[in-house]
Structure formats: C-alpha cells, structure tokens
C-alpha cells in the first residue's frame, strides 16, 4: 500500500524562521505498508534517492546522504536516512528524510494484513517527507544581497528582455526588433498567442516551455526606468536579462547578462536561438551547483580531537567530518558544549580506523557534525 499526500502541519516552534522553521508549513509526505522488511527497506532508500536527485539535479544544491544516529532519528523508527545541505552561512539544513519504521507503528496501531499463509501479520511500514523548507534551502544556498538566484530548472521566468529607448520612434524600432527576437526564440505562433493572451499588458509573457510553465518575458512598462527594471528582475532571480536599445537594434545585436556572475555578452541577433539559450541555461544550472559545492567543500573540516572540535564551533560554522562512536549520552554532551549535532553517519564501517573525537577511543564510524537551524 503506497500513499502520497500533501498536507499542512502545525508545530509550535519556539523561534520561527521563514521557510526553515515555521509554525505551520505545507509538506509532501508518504506512508507505505509492505509485506516484508526487505520491501520496506527498498522503498525507504528509493524515496531517499528521489529526494537526493531532486535536490541536486533540479534545485542545484549538493547534499550529503546518510543515516541518522539513534539520538537524531525519527522517534519510533527503526532507521532514518536524510539528505543534508550546507547553507552559505555555514549552517546545516536537513532537507528531507526517509524512515524505515520496521513493525513498530504497525504493532502500536494494529496495522495488519492477511499473509500468504492466511495468517494475520503486522505490516512493515515506511514514511518520508519534504516540505516548503526546500524553498528556504534554495534561498539560503544560492541567493545574494541583490535578491534571489534561481536554478533554471525551477525559475518561472528564464529570461527577461528589457527594451531601452527615449523617443516614440526608438520605442517602435526597439519593440519591433524585440518581437522578431522572441519569435525566433519561441516561434511566431507563440508570440501571436501571447499577444492575444496578454493584449496590452505591460509585461508580456511568452511560453518558452509549456510543460513546465516557464516564460521569456518582455518588460514593456512605460512608467519604470530601465535601471529599475533591471533590479526588478535581478531580485526575482531570473537567470538571464536581455538588454536591447537603439544601438543594438541598429547593429543587429543584443546584450545578455548572467544573473549569477553578472557577466555581460554582446550577441548577434542571428545567434539568439533556442539552442543558444538552452545551452546557457544548462551551463547556468551546472555552475550554480558547482558554486554551492565549493561553499560546502570550503566549509567542511576534518578534526580528530575534542579541544579543536569545540574551538571550531565556538568561532565558526560548517561541517566537521570526524570519527565518532554515537550514543545518546555522548551526543547530548557534545550538543550542550557546542550546539552541534550529528547530521548524519557517513560511513558506519570505515575501511580505516580513527579515534572518536569525543572519547579518544578507537572508532570506525565517520560522521558529519554541524549546527542546524
């Protein structure tokens, strides 16, 4: 039995934080019941991989994947796995979890089925979920002081075209030129459909991808200066801004500005094709992921003694990779000293042996510590 649902949840958070810790939030959660422990484990790990792939391939946020310790796992679960991201401020964010509940909840709530031998048996169950916290993750992982920076695979607007002119004559020349550029990009039929759909709207939207409802827009607002239009689209995280003025029209060019690194490129109108923009969007997506990966790598440190461990978390934020022998008591003590928790177990049986960062005893378990929201 496989159940997936979207639901609102209320939690009485002591200190709220927009998207990351709110009193009420929307989440996607799954609940499944299986005949065998093996099937339940397979489902748990399958969903975990779905979450990892979505975070990395769509949201462009690199994540670590691993199991939670007993102290951190979902209460009542036999095993909890998670995906963990590191935000630009060095704090850890749990972005999704998948729980193998064993038969614990089935026994508590009498979830039973008739087995192949006609005997009633307790089901093996799982649960898993992600929430609107992922919106917070996108903001915290990618954005800057100017506003959002959105991965192209989720950006509602992929490119915003801003016309620049001073006179009515320049206005007509520039807007006619832009219409040709957009028609070459999305097709004459889509431009005509957009004109019919939006009429004289000041922001014209043309579908670039109908399946994902992503647009290329032309900002035709008459009462807003070009500089304010630039900032408008920067704040909203649009991957590319296209600037077109009278000189561009006269020379058959346009200016393409990259939201992430602010590079500008002068491009011939004949080169402004769907193939060109697709390639630019793919490169933007990859570069955004690599930038987030560099943030994580630059803020991940290996520490092998408790003095340096405490010193690190007193002054800095980031991931600490170390050997650790997990226990509820040890983790509570570490948290009381540093506010850091085990975010996940990287390797429960490492090929090499180290020493536990807390006790100094031999350990083969590698973990990631961090301070979370």
Protein backbone atom coordinates (compact mmCIF):
# COMPACT_ATOMS: atom_id res chain seq x y z
CA UNK A 1 0.00 0.00 0.00
CA UNK A 2 1.59 3.28 -1.19
CA UNK A 3 0.11 6.61 -0.07
CA UNK A 4 1.44 10.03 -1.01
CA UNK A 5 -0.17 13.24 0.20
CA UNK A 6 0.28 16.97 0.57
CA UNK A 7 -0.80 18.33 3.94
CA UNK A 8 -0.42 21.30 6.24
CA UNK A 9 1.21 20.67 9.59
CA UNK A 10 1.28 22.84 12.71
CA UNK A 11 4.26 22.72 15.05
CA UNK A 12 4.69 25.07 17.98
CA UNK A 13 8.14 26.34 17.07
CA UNK A 14 9.70 28.39 19.85
CA UNK A 15 11.72 30.52 17.42
CA UNK A 16 10.34 30.71 13.91
CA UNK A 17 12.44 31.32 10.83
CA UNK A 18 10.86 31.99 7.44
CA UNK A 19 10.51 28.75 5.43
CA UNK A 20 13.04 26.89 7.61
CA UNK A 21 11.12 26.75 10.88
CA UNK A 22 7.55 27.99 10.74
CA UNK A 23 4.57 27.34 12.99
CA UNK A 24 2.63 25.95 10.03
CA UNK A 25 4.01 24.52 6.82
CA UNK A 26 2.99 22.56 3.76
CA UNK A 27 4.73 19.29 3.13
CA UNK A 28 4.70 16.26 0.91
CA UNK A 29 4.69 13.05 2.89
CA UNK A 30 4.42 9.39 2.09
CA UNK A 31 3.20 6.42 4.10
CA UNK A 32 3.61 2.87 2.86
CA UNK A 33 2.93 -0.63 4.15
CA UNK A 34 4.76 -3.74 2.90
CA UNK A 35 4.71 -7.48 3.21
CA UNK A 36 8.39 -7.85 4.12
CA UNK A 37 11.18 -5.93 5.84
CA UNK A 38 13.19 -6.07 2.61
CA UNK A 39 10.44 -4.38 0.59
CA UNK A 40 10.07 -1.65 3.21
CA UNK A 41 13.82 -1.00 3.24
CA UNK A 42 13.88 -0.86 -0.58
CA UNK A 43 11.07 1.71 -0.60
CA UNK A 44 12.77 3.83 2.08
CA UNK A 45 16.01 4.03 0.12
CA UNK A 46 14.23 4.54 -3.22
CA UNK A 47 12.49 7.66 -1.91
CA UNK A 48 15.72 8.87 -0.33
CA UNK A 49 17.34 8.70 -3.77
CA UNK A 50 14.38 10.60 -5.28
CA UNK A 51 14.98 13.38 -2.76
CA UNK A 52 18.72 13.42 -3.41
CA UNK A 53 18.23 13.59 -7.17
CA UNK A 54 15.66 16.39 -6.85
CA UNK A 55 17.89 18.45 -4.54
CA UNK A 56 20.99 18.10 -6.70
CA UNK A 57 19.66 17.78 -10.26
CA UNK A 58 16.77 20.26 -10.02
CA UNK A 59 17.50 22.62 -7.11
CA UNK A 60 21.28 22.58 -7.75
CA UNK A 61 22.01 22.05 -4.03
CA UNK A 62 24.67 19.42 -3.23
CA UNK A 63 23.62 17.19 -0.35
CA UNK A 64 25.17 14.56 1.83
CA UNK A 65 23.20 11.34 2.21
CA UNK A 66 23.32 9.10 5.24
CA UNK A 67 21.62 7.56 8.22
CA UNK A 68 20.74 9.39 11.41
CA UNK A 69 22.06 8.25 14.77
CA UNK A 70 19.72 6.82 17.41
CA UNK A 71 19.59 10.22 19.11
CA UNK A 72 18.58 12.02 15.92
CA UNK A 73 16.34 9.50 14.17
CA UNK A 74 12.57 9.87 13.96
CA UNK A 75 11.00 8.65 17.25
CA UNK A 76 9.74 5.12 16.80
CA UNK A 77 11.62 4.48 13.55
CA UNK A 78 13.98 1.55 13.13
CA UNK A 79 16.17 3.62 10.80
CA UNK A 80 16.08 7.19 9.50
CA UNK A 81 18.00 8.41 6.46
CA UNK A 82 18.30 12.03 5.39
CA UNK A 83 19.72 14.45 2.85
CA UNK A 84 21.68 17.29 4.42
CA UNK A 85 22.71 20.57 2.82
CA UNK A 86 25.09 23.30 3.93
CA UNK A 87 23.87 26.85 3.51
CA UNK A 88 26.01 29.89 2.70
CA UNK A 89 26.08 30.97 6.35
CA UNK A 90 27.67 27.65 7.31
CA UNK A 91 24.60 26.18 8.98
CA UNK A 92 23.31 22.71 8.23
CA UNK A 93 19.82 22.16 6.84
CA UNK A 94 18.03 18.84 6.87
CA UNK A 95 16.25 18.92 3.52
CA UNK A 96 14.41 15.61 3.52
CA UNK A 97 14.04 12.40 5.49
CA UNK A 98 13.01 8.83 4.79
CA UNK A 99 12.13 6.45 7.62
CA UNK A 100 12.12 2.68 7.81
CA UNK A 101 9.62 2.18 10.64
CA UNK A 102 10.01 -1.57 10.87
CA UNK A 103 6.89 -3.02 12.54
CA UNK A 104 6.90 -0.57 15.45
CA UNK A 105 3.98 1.57 14.29
CA UNK A 106 2.15 -1.42 12.81
CA UNK A 107 2.13 -3.06 16.23
CA UNK A 108 1.16 0.14 18.02
CA UNK A 109 -1.79 0.80 15.70
CA UNK A 110 -2.65 -2.77 14.71
CA UNK A 111 -1.79 -2.36 11.03
CA UNK A 112 -2.17 -5.96 9.86
CA UNK A 113 -2.73 -7.90 6.67
CA UNK A 114 -3.54 -11.47 5.75
CA UNK A 115 -0.35 -13.21 4.73
CA UNK A 116 0.21 -15.84 2.09
CA UNK A 117 -0.41 -18.50 4.75
CA UNK A 118 -3.81 -16.94 5.62
CA UNK A 119 -2.45 -15.71 8.95
CA UNK A 120 -2.68 -12.09 10.12
CA UNK A 121 0.68 -10.39 10.15
CA UNK A 122 1.89 -6.90 11.10
CA UNK A 123 2.94 -4.78 8.13
CA UNK A 124 6.39 -3.33 7.63
CA UNK A 125 5.90 0.41 7.16
CA UNK A 126 7.77 3.49 5.97
CA UNK A 127 7.24 7.24 5.99
CA UNK A 128 9.11 10.08 4.32
CA UNK A 129 8.73 13.75 3.52
CA UNK A 130 9.98 17.09 2.28
CA UNK A 131 8.41 20.48 2.92
CA UNK A 132 8.35 24.14 1.97
CA UNK A 133 11.69 24.18 3.79
CA UNK A 134 13.11 23.43 0.33
CA UNK A 135 12.14 26.97 -0.69
CA UNK A 136 14.25 28.24 2.19
CA UNK A 137 17.07 25.96 1.07
CA UNK A 138 17.03 27.47 -2.42
CA UNK A 139 17.18 30.99 -0.99
CA UNK A 140 19.90 30.23 1.56
CA UNK A 141 22.06 28.16 -0.79
CA UNK A 142 22.03 30.36 -3.89
CA UNK A 143 20.85 33.92 -3.35
CA UNK A 144 22.84 37.09 -2.70
CA UNK A 145 22.37 40.63 -1.39
CA UNK A 146 20.59 41.63 -4.61
CA UNK A 147 17.87 39.00 -4.19
CA UNK A 148 17.04 35.55 -5.47
CA UNK A 149 19.21 33.46 -7.75
CA UNK A 150 17.05 30.66 -9.12
CA UNK A 151 18.17 27.43 -10.79
CA UNK A 152 16.82 27.44 -14.37
CA UNK A 153 15.01 24.16 -13.84
CA UNK A 154 12.61 25.84 -11.40
CA UNK A 155 12.74 29.50 -12.46
CA UNK A 156 9.27 30.71 -13.64
CA UNK A 157 10.97 33.28 -15.88
CA UNK A 158 14.07 32.13 -17.72
CA UNK A 159 14.95 35.39 -19.46
CA UNK A 160 13.64 38.93 -19.13
CA UNK A 161 14.01 41.26 -22.11
CA UNK A 162 14.26 44.93 -21.24
CA UNK A 163 13.78 47.46 -24.08
CA UNK A 164 15.70 50.75 -23.79
CA UNK A 165 14.59 53.86 -25.70
CA UNK A 166 13.90 57.57 -25.31
CA UNK A 167 11.66 58.60 -28.17
CA UNK A 168 8.50 57.17 -29.70
CA UNK A 169 10.43 56.39 -32.87
CA UNK A 170 13.08 54.46 -30.92
CA UNK A 171 10.33 52.70 -28.98
CA UNK A 172 8.72 51.34 -32.15
CA UNK A 173 12.04 50.27 -33.67
CA UNK A 174 13.22 48.54 -30.49
CA UNK A 175 9.92 46.78 -29.73
CA UNK A 176 9.54 45.55 -33.32
CA UNK A 177 13.12 44.29 -33.19
CA UNK A 178 12.45 42.50 -29.88
CA UNK A 179 9.30 40.91 -31.31
CA UNK A 180 11.45 39.37 -34.04
CA UNK A 181 13.97 38.13 -31.49
CA UNK A 182 11.27 36.47 -29.39
CA UNK A 183 9.59 34.96 -32.45
CA UNK A 184 12.91 33.43 -33.44
CA UNK A 185 13.22 32.01 -29.95
CA UNK A 186 9.75 30.62 -29.24
CA UNK A 187 8.05 30.72 -32.65
CA UNK A 188 5.69 33.15 -34.35
CA UNK A 189 2.62 31.21 -33.19
CA UNK A 190 3.58 31.52 -29.53
CA UNK A 191 4.25 35.26 -29.88
CA UNK A 192 0.84 35.74 -31.53
CA UNK A 193 -0.81 33.62 -28.84
CA UNK A 194 0.95 35.67 -26.17
CA UNK A 195 -0.22 38.93 -27.72
CA UNK A 196 -3.76 37.58 -27.80
CA UNK A 197 -3.49 36.27 -24.23
CA UNK A 198 -1.90 39.34 -22.65
CA UNK A 199 -3.12 42.06 -25.04
CA UNK A 200 -1.61 45.35 -23.98
CA UNK A 201 -0.25 44.07 -20.66
CA UNK A 202 2.94 45.89 -19.80
CA UNK A 203 4.79 42.66 -19.08
CA UNK A 204 4.36 40.26 -22.00
CA UNK A 205 4.93 36.59 -21.24
CA UNK A 206 5.73 34.04 -23.93
CA UNK A 207 5.90 30.36 -23.09
CA UNK A 208 9.41 29.03 -23.53
CA UNK A 209 8.37 25.65 -22.14
CA UNK A 210 4.64 25.00 -21.81
CA UNK A 211 5.14 21.70 -19.98
CA UNK A 212 6.96 23.42 -17.10
CA UNK A 213 5.14 26.78 -17.48
CA UNK A 214 8.37 28.73 -17.87
CA UNK A 215 8.46 32.03 -19.71
CA UNK A 216 10.52 34.54 -21.59
CA UNK A 217 9.14 37.99 -20.76
CA UNK A 218 9.32 41.40 -22.41
CA UNK A 219 9.14 44.22 -19.85
CA UNK A 220 7.20 46.94 -21.73
CA UNK A 221 6.29 49.05 -18.68
CA UNK A 222 6.31 52.72 -19.68
CA UNK A 223 6.45 54.25 -16.21
CA UNK A 224 9.50 52.33 -14.97
CA UNK A 225 13.08 53.28 -15.83
CA UNK A 226 15.35 50.64 -17.38
CA UNK A 227 17.59 50.56 -14.29
CA UNK A 228 14.60 49.82 -12.08
CA UNK A 229 13.51 47.07 -14.47
CA UNK A 230 16.99 45.55 -14.24
CA UNK A 231 16.77 45.46 -10.46
CA UNK A 232 13.20 44.10 -10.58
CA UNK A 233 14.29 41.01 -12.48
CA UNK A 234 17.52 40.62 -10.51
CA UNK A 235 15.55 40.48 -7.27
CA UNK A 236 13.36 37.73 -8.69
CA UNK A 237 16.32 35.55 -9.64
CA UNK A 238 15.74 35.42 -13.39
CA UNK A 239 18.79 33.62 -14.84
CA UNK A 240 19.31 35.93 -17.83
CA UNK A 241 18.44 39.52 -18.59
CA UNK A 242 18.44 40.71 -22.20
CA UNK A 243 19.04 44.41 -22.87
CA UNK A 244 18.05 45.90 -26.23
CA UNK A 245 18.47 49.59 -27.14
CA UNK A 246 18.53 51.62 -30.37
CA UNK A 247 22.22 50.92 -30.97
CA UNK A 248 21.64 47.19 -30.54
CA UNK A 249 18.75 47.35 -32.98
CA UNK A 250 20.83 49.28 -35.49
CA UNK A 251 23.77 46.88 -35.24
CA UNK A 252 21.68 43.70 -35.10
CA UNK A 253 22.89 42.77 -31.62
CA UNK A 254 21.62 42.36 -28.05
CA UNK A 255 23.24 42.26 -24.61
CA UNK A 256 22.89 39.15 -22.42
CA UNK A 257 23.58 39.47 -18.69
CA UNK A 258 24.11 36.47 -16.40
CA UNK A 259 22.35 36.79 -13.02
CA UNK A 260 24.82 34.60 -11.16
CA UNK A 261 28.19 36.12 -12.09
CA UNK A 262 26.92 39.32 -13.77
CA UNK A 263 28.93 38.67 -16.93
CA UNK A 264 27.70 40.55 -19.99
CA UNK A 265 27.85 39.21 -23.53
CA UNK A 266 27.17 41.10 -26.76
CA UNK A 267 25.42 38.68 -29.07
CA UNK A 268 24.38 38.88 -32.71
CA UNK A 269 20.62 38.55 -33.16
CA UNK A 270 21.14 35.59 -35.50
CA UNK A 271 22.80 33.69 -32.65
CA UNK A 272 19.95 34.26 -30.19
CA UNK A 273 18.30 30.89 -30.75
CA UNK A 274 16.66 28.25 -28.62
CA UNK A 275 19.81 26.14 -28.91
CA UNK A 276 21.86 29.06 -27.60
CA UNK A 277 19.56 29.76 -24.65
CA UNK A 278 19.17 26.06 -23.79
CA UNK A 279 22.97 25.74 -23.62
CA UNK A 280 23.24 28.90 -21.49
CA UNK A 281 20.57 27.66 -19.09
CA UNK A 282 22.24 24.26 -18.72
CA UNK A 283 25.60 25.94 -18.06
CA UNK A 284 23.96 28.24 -15.50
CA UNK A 285 22.41 25.24 -13.71
CA UNK A 286 25.76 23.41 -13.60
CA UNK A 287 27.68 26.50 -12.45
CA UNK A 288 25.17 27.14 -9.66
CA UNK A 289 25.60 23.57 -8.41
CA UNK A 290 29.40 23.84 -8.58
CA UNK A 291 29.37 27.13 -6.69
CA UNK A 292 27.26 25.58 -3.92
CA UNK A 293 29.58 22.57 -3.89
CA UNK A 294 32.59 24.83 -3.43
CA UNK A 295 30.88 26.52 -0.48
CA UNK A 296 30.35 23.11 1.12
CA UNK A 297 33.86 21.84 0.42
CA UNK A 298 35.48 25.04 1.66
CA UNK A 299 33.46 24.79 4.87
CA UNK A 300 33.96 21.11 5.60
CA UNK A 301 36.80 20.34 8.03
CA UNK A 302 38.30 17.14 9.40
CA UNK A 303 39.01 17.30 13.14
CA UNK A 304 40.34 14.50 15.33
CA UNK A 305 40.31 15.88 18.90
CA UNK A 306 37.63 17.36 21.11
CA UNK A 307 39.52 20.52 22.05
CA UNK A 308 39.84 21.61 18.42
CA UNK A 309 36.27 20.45 17.79
CA UNK A 310 34.86 22.75 20.49
CA UNK A 311 37.14 25.59 19.42
CA UNK A 312 35.90 25.31 15.84
CA UNK A 313 32.20 25.53 16.71
CA UNK A 314 32.82 28.36 19.14
CA UNK A 315 34.12 30.58 16.33
CA UNK A 316 32.91 29.12 13.05
CA UNK A 317 30.13 27.30 11.23
CA UNK A 318 30.35 24.48 8.75
CA UNK A 319 30.53 20.71 8.58
CA UNK A 320 33.01 18.80 10.71
CA UNK A 321 33.92 15.33 9.50
CA UNK A 322 35.29 13.07 12.21
CA UNK A 323 35.29 9.65 13.76
CA UNK A 324 32.70 9.29 16.49
CA UNK A 325 31.14 6.48 18.49
CA UNK A 326 27.46 7.52 18.56
CA UNK A 327 25.48 7.33 21.78
CA UNK A 328 22.56 9.33 23.12
CA UNK A 329 24.59 10.46 26.13
CA UNK A 330 27.70 11.49 24.19
CA UNK A 331 25.68 13.43 21.62
CA UNK A 332 23.76 15.27 24.33
CA UNK A 333 27.03 16.31 25.97
CA UNK A 334 28.55 17.49 22.68
CA UNK A 335 25.41 19.48 21.92
CA UNK A 336 25.46 21.13 25.33
CA UNK A 337 29.08 22.19 24.78
CA UNK A 338 28.88 23.30 21.15
CA UNK A 339 25.23 23.30 19.90
CA UNK A 340 26.44 20.90 17.19
CA UNK A 341 24.66 17.65 16.41
CA UNK A 342 25.43 14.62 14.28
CA UNK A 343 23.78 15.49 11.00
CA UNK A 344 24.31 12.00 9.55
CA UNK A 345 26.53 8.94 9.57
CA UNK A 346 28.84 9.00 6.55
CA UNK A 347 30.27 5.54 6.96
CA UNK A 348 29.31 3.16 9.72
CA UNK A 349 32.15 0.74 8.99
CA UNK A 350 35.04 2.76 7.54
CA UNK A 351 37.89 0.85 5.96
CA UNK A 352 40.28 2.81 8.16
CA UNK A 353 40.24 3.20 11.91
CA UNK A 354 40.43 6.51 13.69
CA UNK A 355 39.75 7.75 17.17
CA UNK A 356 36.44 9.05 18.46
CA UNK A 357 36.59 12.84 18.53
CA UNK A 358 34.77 12.87 21.88
CA UNK A 359 36.28 9.98 23.84
CA UNK A 360 39.55 9.32 22.01
CA UNK A 361 38.64 5.63 21.79
CA UNK A 362 39.08 3.62 18.56
CA UNK A 363 36.28 4.17 16.05
CA UNK A 364 35.38 3.11 12.53
CA UNK A 365 32.26 5.29 12.30
CA UNK A 366 32.63 8.54 10.36
CA UNK A 367 30.01 11.22 10.90
CA UNK A 368 29.22 14.80 9.99
CA UNK A 369 28.61 17.31 12.77
CA UNK A 370 27.06 20.71 12.19
CA UNK A 371 24.93 23.40 13.78
CA UNK A 372 21.46 23.32 12.28
CA UNK A 373 18.63 25.83 12.13
